[in-house]
């Protein structure tokens, strides 16, 4: 089945009339390097004064590359959207339509075919993760030998990561070994005493 539907009969009816369609397509859609296949869904069309409002739900299989292990994987995506389609040809006169085309509206073709393909592509793009991961616990590649750690263990030593508190721990360790500054001052005062007190004692004894 196709993602195109001829809406000539709907355009000839009164405002507010509706049509509903199920759709399915085996033709993949390119999402800027990511492929979407097995596309299916449901659409409800309603005729307005300016054209047709399409309310669509769709599902597709996304073919992605894991950002951690670089292996291809597939995932299912589901989208729902509402888009406006405006005629390019007046259904009554056969002349170019005088209805203004909005900045966000899609065009109905000269043969009165409404095509969901571009609208589905744009909405599926929003469903693709910026950093796709094949599974939440993916272990990725070894940074040294490049082995896929989901499939095998490598003999590379794990990279030693320094804690942001390592310098503080070293400073605290040095202070514990040499004593705190207050203890050092107390020790100096006790060992040296006060020179003036000894002078006073000698005068008192004399």
N, C-alpha and C. Protein backbone atom coordinates (compact mmCIF):
# COMPACT_ATOMS: atom_id res chain seq x y z
N UNK A 1 0.83 -1.21 0.00
CA UNK A 1 0.00 0.00 0.00
C UNK A 1 0.87 1.26 0.00
N UNK A 2 0.27 2.37 -0.34
CA UNK A 2 0.99 3.62 -0.49
C UNK A 2 0.66 4.56 0.65
N UNK A 3 1.45 5.63 0.73
CA UNK A 3 1.18 6.70 1.69
C UNK A 3 0.44 7.84 1.03
N UNK A 4 -0.07 7.62 -0.19
CA UNK A 4 -0.83 8.62 -0.92
C UNK A 4 -2.30 8.21 -1.00
N UNK A 5 -3.17 9.22 -0.89
CA UNK A 5 -4.61 8.97 -1.00
C UNK A 5 -5.24 10.07 -1.85
N UNK A 6 -6.12 9.65 -2.75
CA UNK A 6 -6.83 10.62 -3.58
C UNK A 6 -8.01 11.18 -2.79
N UNK A 7 -8.03 12.49 -2.66
CA UNK A 7 -9.05 13.13 -1.81
C UNK A 7 -10.02 13.97 -2.66
N UNK A 8 -10.12 13.67 -3.93
CA UNK A 8 -11.00 14.44 -4.81
C UNK A 8 -12.44 14.41 -4.32
N UNK A 9 -12.91 13.24 -3.94
CA UNK A 9 -14.30 13.13 -3.49
C UNK A 9 -14.53 13.87 -2.19
N UNK A 10 -13.56 13.84 -1.29
CA UNK A 10 -13.70 14.57 -0.04
C UNK A 10 -13.73 16.07 -0.30
N UNK A 11 -12.91 16.57 -1.24
CA UNK A 11 -12.89 17.99 -1.54
C UNK A 11 -14.21 18.48 -2.14
N UNK A 12 -15.01 17.58 -2.71
CA UNK A 12 -16.29 17.96 -3.31
C UNK A 12 -17.43 18.00 -2.30
N UNK A 13 -17.16 17.53 -1.08
CA UNK A 13 -18.21 17.48 -0.07
C UNK A 13 -18.25 18.78 0.73
N UNK A 14 -19.06 18.77 1.77
CA UNK A 14 -19.23 19.95 2.60
C UNK A 14 -18.18 19.99 3.71
N UNK A 15 -17.91 21.21 4.19
CA UNK A 15 -16.97 21.40 5.29
C UNK A 15 -17.41 20.59 6.51
N UNK A 16 -16.47 19.91 7.09
CA UNK A 16 -16.75 19.09 8.26
C UNK A 16 -16.84 17.60 7.94
N UNK A 17 -16.91 17.24 6.66
CA UNK A 17 -16.95 15.83 6.28
C UNK A 17 -15.59 15.19 6.55
N UNK A 18 -15.60 13.90 6.86
CA UNK A 18 -14.37 13.20 7.23
C UNK A 18 -14.19 11.93 6.41
N UNK A 19 -12.96 11.49 6.37
CA UNK A 19 -12.60 10.19 5.81
C UNK A 19 -11.51 9.59 6.71
N UNK A 20 -11.49 8.27 6.81
CA UNK A 20 -10.47 7.61 7.61
C UNK A 20 -9.82 6.51 6.77
N UNK A 21 -8.49 6.38 6.95
CA UNK A 21 -7.72 5.42 6.17
C UNK A 21 -6.69 4.74 7.06
N UNK A 22 -6.48 3.46 6.80
CA UNK A 22 -5.30 2.76 7.33
C UNK A 22 -4.26 2.73 6.21
N UNK A 23 -3.02 2.86 6.57
CA UNK A 23 -1.98 2.86 5.53
C UNK A 23 -0.80 1.98 5.97
N UNK A 24 -0.06 1.56 4.95
CA UNK A 24 1.10 0.69 5.17
C UNK A 24 2.03 0.83 3.97
N UNK A 25 3.33 0.87 4.25
CA UNK A 25 4.29 1.04 3.15
C UNK A 25 5.55 0.26 3.44
N UNK A 26 6.03 -0.44 2.42
CA UNK A 26 7.29 -1.17 2.53
C UNK A 26 8.48 -0.33 2.04
N UNK A 27 8.20 0.80 1.43
CA UNK A 27 9.28 1.65 0.93
C UNK A 27 9.91 2.41 2.10
N UNK A 28 11.23 2.29 2.28
CA UNK A 28 11.87 2.99 3.40
C UNK A 28 11.91 4.50 3.18
N UNK A 29 12.02 5.23 4.28
CA UNK A 29 12.16 6.68 4.26
C UNK A 29 13.51 7.03 4.84
N UNK A 30 14.25 7.89 4.13
CA UNK A 30 15.57 8.32 4.59
C UNK A 30 15.42 9.47 5.58
N UNK A 31 15.92 9.27 6.78
CA UNK A 31 15.87 10.30 7.82
C UNK A 31 17.26 10.88 8.02
N UNK A 32 17.82 11.45 6.98
CA UNK A 32 19.16 12.06 7.04
C UNK A 32 20.20 11.05 7.51
N UNK A 33 20.23 9.90 6.85
CA UNK A 33 21.22 8.87 7.19
C UNK A 33 20.66 7.72 7.98
N UNK A 34 19.49 7.88 8.56
CA UNK A 34 18.81 6.81 9.29
C UNK A 34 17.62 6.36 8.45
N UNK A 35 17.46 5.04 8.31
CA UNK A 35 16.35 4.53 7.51
C UNK A 35 15.18 4.16 8.41
N UNK A 36 13.98 4.47 7.92
CA UNK A 36 12.74 4.05 8.57
C UNK A 36 12.00 3.13 7.61
N UNK A 37 11.62 1.95 8.08
CA UNK A 37 10.94 0.97 7.24
C UNK A 37 9.71 0.42 7.96
N UNK A 38 8.97 -0.44 7.25
CA UNK A 38 7.76 -1.07 7.82
C UNK A 38 6.84 -0.01 8.42
N UNK A 39 6.50 0.99 7.62
CA UNK A 39 5.69 2.11 8.09
C UNK A 39 4.21 1.75 7.98
N UNK A 40 3.49 2.00 9.05
CA UNK A 40 2.05 1.73 9.05
C UNK A 40 1.38 2.72 9.99
N UNK A 41 0.06 2.84 9.85
CA UNK A 41 -0.64 3.75 10.74
C UNK A 41 -2.07 3.99 10.32
N UNK A 42 -2.63 5.05 10.90
CA UNK A 42 -4.04 5.39 10.66
C UNK A 42 -4.14 6.91 10.52
N UNK A 43 -5.04 7.36 9.62
CA UNK A 43 -5.22 8.78 9.38
C UNK A 43 -6.70 9.11 9.34
N UNK A 44 -7.02 10.24 9.96
CA UNK A 44 -8.38 10.78 9.88
C UNK A 44 -8.30 12.14 9.21
N UNK A 45 -9.08 12.33 8.13
CA UNK A 45 -9.07 13.57 7.36
C UNK A 45 -10.39 14.30 7.57
N UNK A 46 -10.31 15.61 7.78
CA UNK A 46 -11.51 16.43 7.93
C UNK A 46 -11.39 17.64 7.01
N UNK A 47 -12.46 17.92 6.26
CA UNK A 47 -12.46 19.02 5.30
C UNK A 47 -12.76 20.34 6.02
N UNK A 48 -11.94 21.36 5.72
CA UNK A 48 -12.13 22.69 6.30
C UNK A 48 -12.38 23.70 5.18
N UNK A 49 -12.51 24.97 5.56
CA UNK A 49 -12.70 26.02 4.55
C UNK A 49 -11.47 26.21 3.67
N UNK A 50 -10.29 25.82 4.21
CA UNK A 50 -9.04 26.07 3.49
C UNK A 50 -8.43 24.80 2.88
N UNK A 51 -8.81 23.65 3.34
CA UNK A 51 -8.21 22.42 2.85
C UNK A 51 -8.61 21.23 3.71
N UNK A 52 -7.62 20.46 4.10
CA UNK A 52 -7.86 19.23 4.86
C UNK A 52 -6.92 19.19 6.05
N UNK A 53 -7.46 18.87 7.21
CA UNK A 53 -6.67 18.62 8.41
C UNK A 53 -6.53 17.10 8.56
N UNK A 54 -5.30 16.65 8.64
CA UNK A 54 -5.02 15.21 8.79
C UNK A 54 -4.49 14.95 10.20
N UNK A 55 -5.16 14.06 10.91
CA UNK A 55 -4.69 13.60 12.22
C UNK A 55 -4.16 12.18 12.05
N UNK A 56 -2.87 11.99 12.32
CA UNK A 56 -2.18 10.76 11.93
C UNK A 56 -1.47 10.13 13.12
N UNK A 57 -1.56 8.83 13.21
CA UNK A 57 -0.69 8.05 14.09
C UNK A 57 0.06 7.06 13.21
N UNK A 58 1.35 6.91 13.45
CA UNK A 58 2.16 6.04 12.59
C UNK A 58 3.22 5.34 13.41
N UNK A 59 3.63 4.18 12.91
CA UNK A 59 4.70 3.39 13.51
C UNK A 59 5.70 3.03 12.43
N UNK A 60 6.97 2.90 12.84
CA UNK A 60 8.02 2.57 11.88
C UNK A 60 9.17 1.89 12.60
N UNK A 61 9.94 1.12 11.84
CA UNK A 61 11.17 0.52 12.35
C UNK A 61 12.34 1.41 11.97
N UNK A 62 13.09 1.85 12.98
CA UNK A 62 14.26 2.69 12.74
C UNK A 62 15.52 1.84 12.72
N UNK A 63 16.37 2.04 11.72
CA UNK A 63 17.63 1.31 11.59
C UNK A 63 18.76 2.25 12.03
N UNK A 64 19.33 1.99 13.21
CA UNK A 64 20.26 2.91 13.84
C UNK A 64 21.63 2.27 14.06
N UNK A 65 22.60 3.09 14.41
CA UNK A 65 23.94 2.64 14.81
C UNK A 65 24.15 3.06 16.26
N UNK A 66 24.51 2.09 17.10
CA UNK A 66 24.71 2.38 18.52
C UNK A 66 25.89 3.32 18.69
N UNK A 67 25.71 4.36 19.50
CA UNK A 67 26.77 5.33 19.73
C UNK A 67 27.87 4.78 20.62
N UNK A 68 27.63 3.67 21.32
CA UNK A 68 28.64 3.11 22.22
C UNK A 68 29.45 1.99 21.57
N UNK A 69 28.74 1.00 21.01
CA UNK A 69 29.46 -0.16 20.45
C UNK A 69 29.54 -0.13 18.92
N UNK A 70 28.89 0.85 18.29
CA UNK A 70 28.93 1.05 16.83
C UNK A 70 28.30 -0.10 16.06
N UNK A 71 27.47 -0.89 16.73
CA UNK A 71 26.78 -1.99 16.04
C UNK A 71 25.40 -1.51 15.56
N UNK A 72 24.96 -1.98 14.38
CA UNK A 72 23.61 -1.62 13.92
C UNK A 72 22.54 -2.30 14.77
N UNK A 73 21.45 -1.61 14.97
CA UNK A 73 20.32 -2.20 15.69
C UNK A 73 19.03 -1.57 15.21
N UNK A 74 17.92 -2.19 15.54
CA UNK A 74 16.61 -1.70 15.13
C UNK A 74 15.74 -1.42 16.35
N UNK A 75 14.88 -0.43 16.22
CA UNK A 75 13.94 -0.12 17.28
C UNK A 75 12.66 0.39 16.64
N UNK A 76 11.55 0.22 17.33
CA UNK A 76 10.27 0.70 16.83
C UNK A 76 9.98 2.09 17.37
N UNK A 77 9.46 2.94 16.51
CA UNK A 77 9.10 4.30 16.90
C UNK A 77 7.63 4.52 16.58
N UNK A 78 6.99 5.28 17.43
CA UNK A 78 5.58 5.62 17.21
C UNK A 78 5.43 7.13 17.30
N UNK A 79 4.70 7.70 16.36
CA UNK A 79 4.50 9.15 16.31
C UNK A 79 3.02 9.45 16.15
N UNK A 80 2.64 10.64 16.55
CA UNK A 80 1.28 11.15 16.35
C UNK A 80 1.39 12.63 16.01
N UNK A 81 0.68 13.07 15.00
CA UNK A 81 0.78 14.46 14.59
C UNK A 81 -0.48 14.89 13.87
N UNK A 82 -0.60 16.20 13.71
CA UNK A 82 -1.71 16.80 12.97
C UNK A 82 -1.13 17.82 12.00
N UNK A 83 -1.47 17.69 10.73
CA UNK A 83 -0.93 18.58 9.70
C UNK A 83 -2.07 19.07 8.80
N UNK A 84 -1.83 20.22 8.18
CA UNK A 84 -2.81 20.80 7.27
C UNK A 84 -2.34 20.62 5.83
N UNK A 85 -3.28 20.25 4.96
CA UNK A 85 -3.01 20.10 3.53
C UNK A 85 -3.96 21.03 2.76
N UNK A 86 -3.38 21.82 1.86
CA UNK A 86 -4.20 22.75 1.09
C UNK A 86 -4.12 22.42 -0.40
N UNK A 87 -5.23 22.59 -1.13
CA UNK A 87 -5.26 22.19 -2.55
C UNK A 87 -4.44 23.14 -3.42
N UNK A 88 -3.80 22.58 -4.42
CA UNK A 88 -3.11 23.39 -5.41
C UNK A 88 -3.99 23.67 -6.61
N UNK A 89 -5.03 22.84 -6.79
CA UNK A 89 -5.98 23.00 -7.90
C UNK A 89 -7.40 23.06 -7.32
N UNK A 90 -8.17 24.01 -7.80
CA UNK A 90 -9.56 24.11 -7.37
C UNK A 90 -10.33 22.91 -7.89
N UNK A 91 -10.99 22.18 -7.01
CA UNK A 91 -11.67 20.95 -7.39
C UNK A 91 -12.86 21.22 -8.31
N UNK A 92 -13.42 22.43 -8.26
CA UNK A 92 -14.60 22.76 -9.06
C UNK A 92 -14.23 23.28 -10.45
N UNK A 93 -13.29 24.20 -10.52
CA UNK A 93 -12.94 24.84 -11.79
C UNK A 93 -11.78 24.17 -12.51
N UNK A 94 -10.93 23.46 -11.78
CA UNK A 94 -9.75 22.86 -12.39
C UNK A 94 -8.62 23.86 -12.57
N UNK A 95 -8.82 25.08 -12.11
CA UNK A 95 -7.80 26.12 -12.21
C UNK A 95 -6.96 26.14 -10.93
N UNK A 96 -5.79 26.80 -10.98
CA UNK A 96 -4.99 26.90 -9.76
C UNK A 96 -5.80 27.49 -8.62
N UNK A 97 -5.64 26.91 -7.46
CA UNK A 97 -6.41 27.34 -6.30
C UNK A 97 -6.00 28.74 -5.86
N UNK A 98 -7.01 29.51 -5.44
CA UNK A 98 -6.74 30.85 -4.91
C UNK A 98 -6.59 30.85 -3.40
N UNK A 99 -6.70 29.70 -2.78
CA UNK A 99 -6.54 29.61 -1.33
C UNK A 99 -5.07 29.81 -0.99
N UNK A 100 -4.75 30.77 -0.13
CA UNK A 100 -3.33 31.00 0.20
C UNK A 100 -2.72 29.78 0.90
N UNK A 101 -1.47 29.52 0.58
CA UNK A 101 -0.76 28.39 1.19
C UNK A 101 0.01 28.91 2.40
N UNK A 102 -0.26 28.35 3.56
CA UNK A 102 0.44 28.77 4.77
C UNK A 102 1.88 28.28 4.78
N UNK A 103 2.64 28.82 5.71
CA UNK A 103 4.06 28.46 5.80
C UNK A 103 4.25 27.01 6.24
N UNK A 104 3.30 26.47 6.99
CA UNK A 104 3.46 25.12 7.53
C UNK A 104 2.57 24.09 6.84
N UNK A 105 1.75 24.53 5.91
CA UNK A 105 0.82 23.60 5.26
C UNK A 105 1.51 22.83 4.13
N UNK A 106 1.07 21.59 3.92
CA UNK A 106 1.52 20.78 2.79
C UNK A 106 0.53 20.96 1.63
N UNK A 107 1.01 20.73 0.41
CA UNK A 107 0.16 20.89 -0.77
C UNK A 107 -0.44 19.55 -1.20
N UNK A 108 -1.69 19.62 -1.58
CA UNK A 108 -2.34 18.49 -2.26
C UNK A 108 -1.99 18.60 -3.74
N UNK A 109 -1.62 17.50 -4.35
CA UNK A 109 -1.10 17.55 -5.72
C UNK A 109 -2.18 17.98 -6.72
N UNK A 110 -1.75 18.23 -7.95
CA UNK A 110 -2.68 18.63 -9.01
C UNK A 110 -3.68 17.53 -9.33
N UNK A 111 -3.31 16.29 -9.01
CA UNK A 111 -4.23 15.16 -9.21
C UNK A 111 -5.07 14.89 -7.97
N UNK A 112 -5.02 15.80 -7.00
CA UNK A 112 -5.78 15.72 -5.76
C UNK A 112 -5.33 14.55 -4.89
N UNK A 113 -4.04 14.26 -4.97
CA UNK A 113 -3.47 13.22 -4.10
C UNK A 113 -2.84 13.86 -2.86
N UNK A 114 -3.17 13.31 -1.73
CA UNK A 114 -2.60 13.76 -0.46
C UNK A 114 -1.53 12.75 -0.05
N UNK A 115 -0.30 13.21 0.15
CA UNK A 115 0.84 12.34 0.42
C UNK A 115 1.33 12.56 1.85
N UNK A 116 1.31 11.50 2.65
CA UNK A 116 1.75 11.59 4.04
C UNK A 116 3.27 11.45 4.19
N UNK A 117 3.96 11.10 3.14
CA UNK A 117 5.37 10.69 3.26
C UNK A 117 6.25 11.77 3.90
N UNK A 118 6.16 13.00 3.43
CA UNK A 118 7.03 14.05 3.96
C UNK A 118 6.66 14.40 5.41
N UNK A 119 5.38 14.43 5.72
CA UNK A 119 4.97 14.72 7.09
C UNK A 119 5.45 13.63 8.04
N UNK A 120 5.36 12.38 7.62
CA UNK A 120 5.85 11.27 8.45
C UNK A 120 7.36 11.39 8.61
N UNK A 121 8.07 11.72 7.54
CA UNK A 121 9.54 11.86 7.62
C UNK A 121 9.93 12.93 8.64
N UNK A 122 9.29 14.09 8.57
CA UNK A 122 9.64 15.18 9.48
C UNK A 122 9.37 14.81 10.93
N UNK A 123 8.28 14.11 11.17
CA UNK A 123 7.93 13.76 12.55
C UNK A 123 8.77 12.59 13.07
N UNK A 124 9.17 11.68 12.19
CA UNK A 124 10.05 10.59 12.62
C UNK A 124 11.44 11.13 12.96
N UNK A 125 11.87 12.18 12.27
CA UNK A 125 13.17 12.79 12.60
C UNK A 125 13.21 13.24 14.06
N UNK A 126 12.09 13.73 14.55
CA UNK A 126 12.03 14.18 15.94
C UNK A 126 12.04 13.01 16.92
N UNK A 127 11.73 11.81 16.43
CA UNK A 127 11.68 10.64 17.31
C UNK A 127 13.02 9.93 17.41
N UNK A 128 14.00 10.32 16.57
CA UNK A 128 15.32 9.67 16.60
C UNK A 128 16.14 10.27 17.73
N UNK A 129 16.68 9.42 18.61
CA UNK A 129 17.52 9.90 19.70
C UNK A 129 18.79 10.54 19.15
N UNK A 130 19.22 11.60 19.81
CA UNK A 130 20.47 12.25 19.41
C UNK A 130 21.67 11.33 19.61
N UNK A 131 21.62 10.52 20.69
CA UNK A 131 22.67 9.54 20.97
C UNK A 131 22.01 8.17 21.08
N UNK A 132 21.80 7.49 19.96
CA UNK A 132 21.11 6.19 20.02
C UNK A 132 21.97 5.12 20.67
N UNK A 133 21.37 4.33 21.54
CA UNK A 133 22.06 3.25 22.24
C UNK A 133 21.27 1.98 22.04
N UNK A 134 21.97 0.89 21.72
CA UNK A 134 21.29 -0.36 21.40
C UNK A 134 20.55 -0.94 22.60
N UNK A 135 21.08 -0.71 23.81
CA UNK A 135 20.41 -1.12 25.05
C UNK A 135 21.00 -0.30 26.19
N UNK A 136 20.24 -0.10 27.26
CA UNK A 136 20.72 0.78 28.34
C UNK A 136 22.04 0.34 28.96
N UNK A 137 22.29 -0.98 29.03
CA UNK A 137 23.51 -1.47 29.67
C UNK A 137 24.62 -1.79 28.67
N UNK A 138 24.57 -1.18 27.48
CA UNK A 138 25.62 -1.42 26.48
C UNK A 138 26.97 -1.00 27.06
N UNK A 139 27.96 -1.90 26.97
CA UNK A 139 29.29 -1.65 27.55
C UNK A 139 30.23 -0.95 26.57
N UNK A 140 29.83 -0.84 25.33
CA UNK A 140 30.62 -0.10 24.35
C UNK A 140 31.89 -0.83 23.92
N UNK A 141 32.81 -0.06 23.33
CA UNK A 141 34.07 -0.59 22.83
C UNK A 141 35.19 -0.30 23.82
N UNK A 142 36.17 -1.22 23.85
CA UNK A 142 37.37 -0.97 24.65
C UNK A 142 38.13 0.19 24.01
N UNK A 143 38.50 1.21 24.77
CA UNK A 143 39.21 2.35 24.18
C UNK A 143 40.63 2.01 23.73
N UNK A 144 41.18 0.86 24.19
CA UNK A 144 42.54 0.49 23.82
C UNK A 144 42.59 -0.41 22.59
N UNK A 145 41.88 -1.54 22.67
CA UNK A 145 41.95 -2.51 21.56
C UNK A 145 40.74 -2.46 20.64
N UNK A 146 39.67 -1.76 21.03
CA UNK A 146 38.49 -1.63 20.18
C UNK A 146 37.54 -2.80 20.22
N UNK A 147 37.75 -3.75 21.13
CA UNK A 147 36.87 -4.92 21.21
C UNK A 147 35.48 -4.50 21.70
N UNK A 148 34.47 -5.17 21.17
CA UNK A 148 33.11 -4.94 21.64
C UNK A 148 32.94 -5.65 22.97
N UNK A 149 32.83 -4.90 24.04
CA UNK A 149 32.78 -5.50 25.37
C UNK A 149 31.44 -6.14 25.69
N UNK A 150 30.46 -6.00 24.78
CA UNK A 150 29.22 -6.75 24.93
C UNK A 150 29.39 -8.20 24.50
N UNK A 151 30.39 -8.45 23.62
CA UNK A 151 30.58 -9.78 23.04
C UNK A 151 31.76 -10.53 23.64
N UNK A 152 32.77 -9.81 24.12
CA UNK A 152 33.96 -10.48 24.63
C UNK A 152 34.67 -9.61 25.65
N UNK A 153 35.43 -10.28 26.50
CA UNK A 153 36.28 -9.58 27.45
C UNK A 153 37.67 -9.46 26.86
N UNK A 154 38.28 -8.29 27.01
CA UNK A 154 39.63 -8.10 26.50
C UNK A 154 40.62 -8.10 27.66
N UNK A 155 41.90 -8.22 27.33
CA UNK A 155 42.94 -8.29 28.35
C UNK A 155 43.48 -6.92 28.74
N UNK A 156 42.89 -5.87 28.20
CA UNK A 156 43.38 -4.52 28.51
C UNK A 156 43.05 -4.16 29.96
N UNK A 157 43.98 -3.48 30.59
CA UNK A 157 43.75 -3.04 31.96
C UNK A 157 42.76 -1.89 31.95
N UNK A 158 41.84 -1.85 32.92
CA UNK A 158 40.90 -0.73 32.96
C UNK A 158 41.62 0.57 33.21
N UNK A 159 41.16 1.59 32.58
CA UNK A 159 41.79 2.90 32.72
C UNK A 159 41.60 3.43 34.13
N UNK A 160 42.70 3.89 34.73
CA UNK A 160 42.63 4.43 36.08
C UNK A 160 42.14 5.87 36.01
N UNK A 161 41.08 6.11 36.72
CA UNK A 161 40.51 7.45 36.74
C UNK A 161 40.83 8.12 38.07
N UNK A 162 41.36 9.31 38.01
CA UNK A 162 41.72 10.02 39.23
C UNK A 162 40.49 10.73 39.77
N UNK A 163 40.31 10.61 41.10
CA UNK A 163 39.19 11.26 41.75
C UNK A 163 39.45 12.75 41.84
N UNK A 164 38.41 13.59 41.71
CA UNK A 164 38.62 15.03 41.88
C UNK A 164 39.04 15.41 43.29
N UNK A 165 38.90 14.46 44.25
CA UNK A 165 39.29 14.72 45.63
C UNK A 165 40.65 14.12 45.97
N UNK A 166 41.36 13.60 44.93
CA UNK A 166 42.64 12.95 45.20
C UNK A 166 43.65 13.93 45.77
N UNK A 167 43.71 15.16 45.25
CA UNK A 167 44.67 16.15 45.75
C UNK A 167 44.34 16.52 47.19
N UNK A 168 43.05 16.68 47.50
CA UNK A 168 42.64 17.01 48.86
C UNK A 168 43.00 15.89 49.83
N UNK A 169 42.80 14.63 49.41
CA UNK A 169 43.15 13.50 50.27
C UNK A 169 44.65 13.48 50.55
N UNK A 170 45.46 13.82 49.53
CA UNK A 170 46.91 13.84 49.72
C UNK A 170 47.31 14.92 50.72
N UNK A 171 46.70 16.09 50.62
CA UNK A 171 47.01 17.17 51.56
C UNK A 171 46.63 16.81 52.98
N UNK A 172 45.46 16.19 53.12
CA UNK A 172 45.02 15.78 54.45
C UNK A 172 45.95 14.72 55.03
N UNK A 173 46.45 13.83 54.17
CA UNK A 173 47.38 12.80 54.64
C UNK A 173 48.68 13.41 55.13
N UNK A 174 49.19 14.43 54.42
CA UNK A 174 50.42 15.09 54.85
C UNK A 174 50.24 15.80 56.19
N UNK A 175 49.09 16.41 56.40
CA UNK A 175 48.84 17.10 57.65
C UNK A 175 48.73 16.12 58.82
N UNK A 176 48.15 14.95 58.57
CA UNK A 176 48.05 13.96 59.64
C UNK A 176 49.43 13.45 60.06
N UNK A 177 50.33 13.33 59.07
CA UNK A 177 51.67 12.83 59.40
C UNK A 177 52.48 13.87 60.16
N UNK A 178 52.35 15.17 59.82
CA UNK A 178 53.16 16.21 60.46
C UNK A 178 52.43 16.89 61.60
N UNK A 179 51.19 16.56 61.84
CA UNK A 179 50.41 17.20 62.88
C UNK A 179 49.73 18.44 62.35
N UNK A 180 48.66 18.85 63.01
CA UNK A 180 47.93 20.02 62.57
C UNK A 180 48.70 21.28 62.91
N UNK A 181 48.44 22.41 62.25
CA UNK A 181 49.13 23.67 62.54
C UNK A 181 48.92 24.12 63.97
N UNK A 182 47.76 23.92 64.56
CA UNK A 182 47.51 24.34 65.94
C UNK A 182 48.34 23.53 66.92
N UNK A 183 48.48 22.21 66.62
CA UNK A 183 49.30 21.37 67.49
C UNK A 183 50.76 21.79 67.41
N UNK A 184 51.22 22.18 66.18
CA UNK A 184 52.60 22.60 66.02
C UNK A 184 52.86 23.89 66.79
N UNK A 185 51.96 24.87 66.78
CA UNK A 185 52.12 26.12 67.51
C UNK A 185 52.14 25.88 69.01
N UNK A 186 51.27 24.96 69.48
CA UNK A 186 51.22 24.64 70.92
C UNK A 186 52.53 24.02 71.38
N UNK A 187 53.08 23.16 70.52
CA UNK A 187 54.33 22.51 70.86
C UNK A 187 55.47 23.52 70.93
N UNK A 188 55.49 24.49 70.01
CA UNK A 188 56.54 25.51 70.01
C UNK A 188 56.43 26.38 71.25
N UNK A 189 55.22 26.78 71.63
CA UNK A 189 55.03 27.63 72.80
C UNK A 189 55.43 26.93 74.07
N UNK A 190 55.15 25.64 74.18
CA UNK A 190 55.48 24.88 75.38
C UNK A 190 56.97 24.68 75.52
N UNK A 191 57.66 24.45 74.44
CA UNK A 191 59.10 24.14 74.50
C UNK A 191 59.93 25.39 74.71
N UNK A 192 59.49 26.56 74.17
CA UNK A 192 60.30 27.78 74.26
C UNK A 192 59.97 28.60 75.49
N UNK A 193 58.72 28.60 75.91
CA UNK A 193 58.31 29.42 77.05
C UNK A 193 58.36 30.88 76.69
N UNK A 194 58.21 31.77 77.68
CA UNK A 194 58.24 33.22 77.45
C UNK A 194 59.49 33.78 78.11
N UNK A 195 60.37 34.44 77.41
CA UNK A 195 61.64 34.88 77.98
C UNK A 195 61.47 35.88 79.11
N UNK A 196 60.47 36.77 79.08
CA UNK A 196 60.32 37.78 80.10
C UNK A 196 59.96 37.18 81.45
N UNK A 197 59.28 36.05 81.46
CA UNK A 197 58.87 35.44 82.73
C UNK A 197 60.09 34.97 83.50
N UNK A 198 61.13 34.51 82.85
CA UNK A 198 62.34 34.06 83.53
C UNK A 198 63.06 35.21 84.16
N UNK A 199 63.07 36.38 83.50
CA UNK A 199 63.72 37.58 84.08
C UNK A 199 63.04 38.00 85.34
N UNK A 200 61.72 38.01 85.35
CA UNK A 200 60.99 38.37 86.54
C UNK A 200 61.24 37.47 87.69
N UNK A 201 61.38 36.15 87.43
CA UNK A 201 61.66 35.19 88.49
C UNK A 201 63.00 35.46 89.12
N UNK A 202 64.03 35.78 88.34
CA UNK A 202 65.36 36.01 88.89
C UNK A 202 65.37 37.24 89.78
N UNK A 203 64.62 38.33 89.37
CA UNK A 203 64.56 39.54 90.17
C UNK A 203 63.85 39.26 91.52
N UNK A 204 62.80 38.47 91.47
CA UNK A 204 62.08 38.15 92.71
C UNK A 204 62.94 37.37 93.65
N UNK A 205 63.75 36.46 93.14
CA UNK A 205 64.61 35.64 94.00
C UNK A 205 65.77 36.46 94.54
N UNK A 206 66.24 37.50 93.77
CA UNK A 206 67.35 38.33 94.21
C UNK A 206 66.91 39.23 95.34
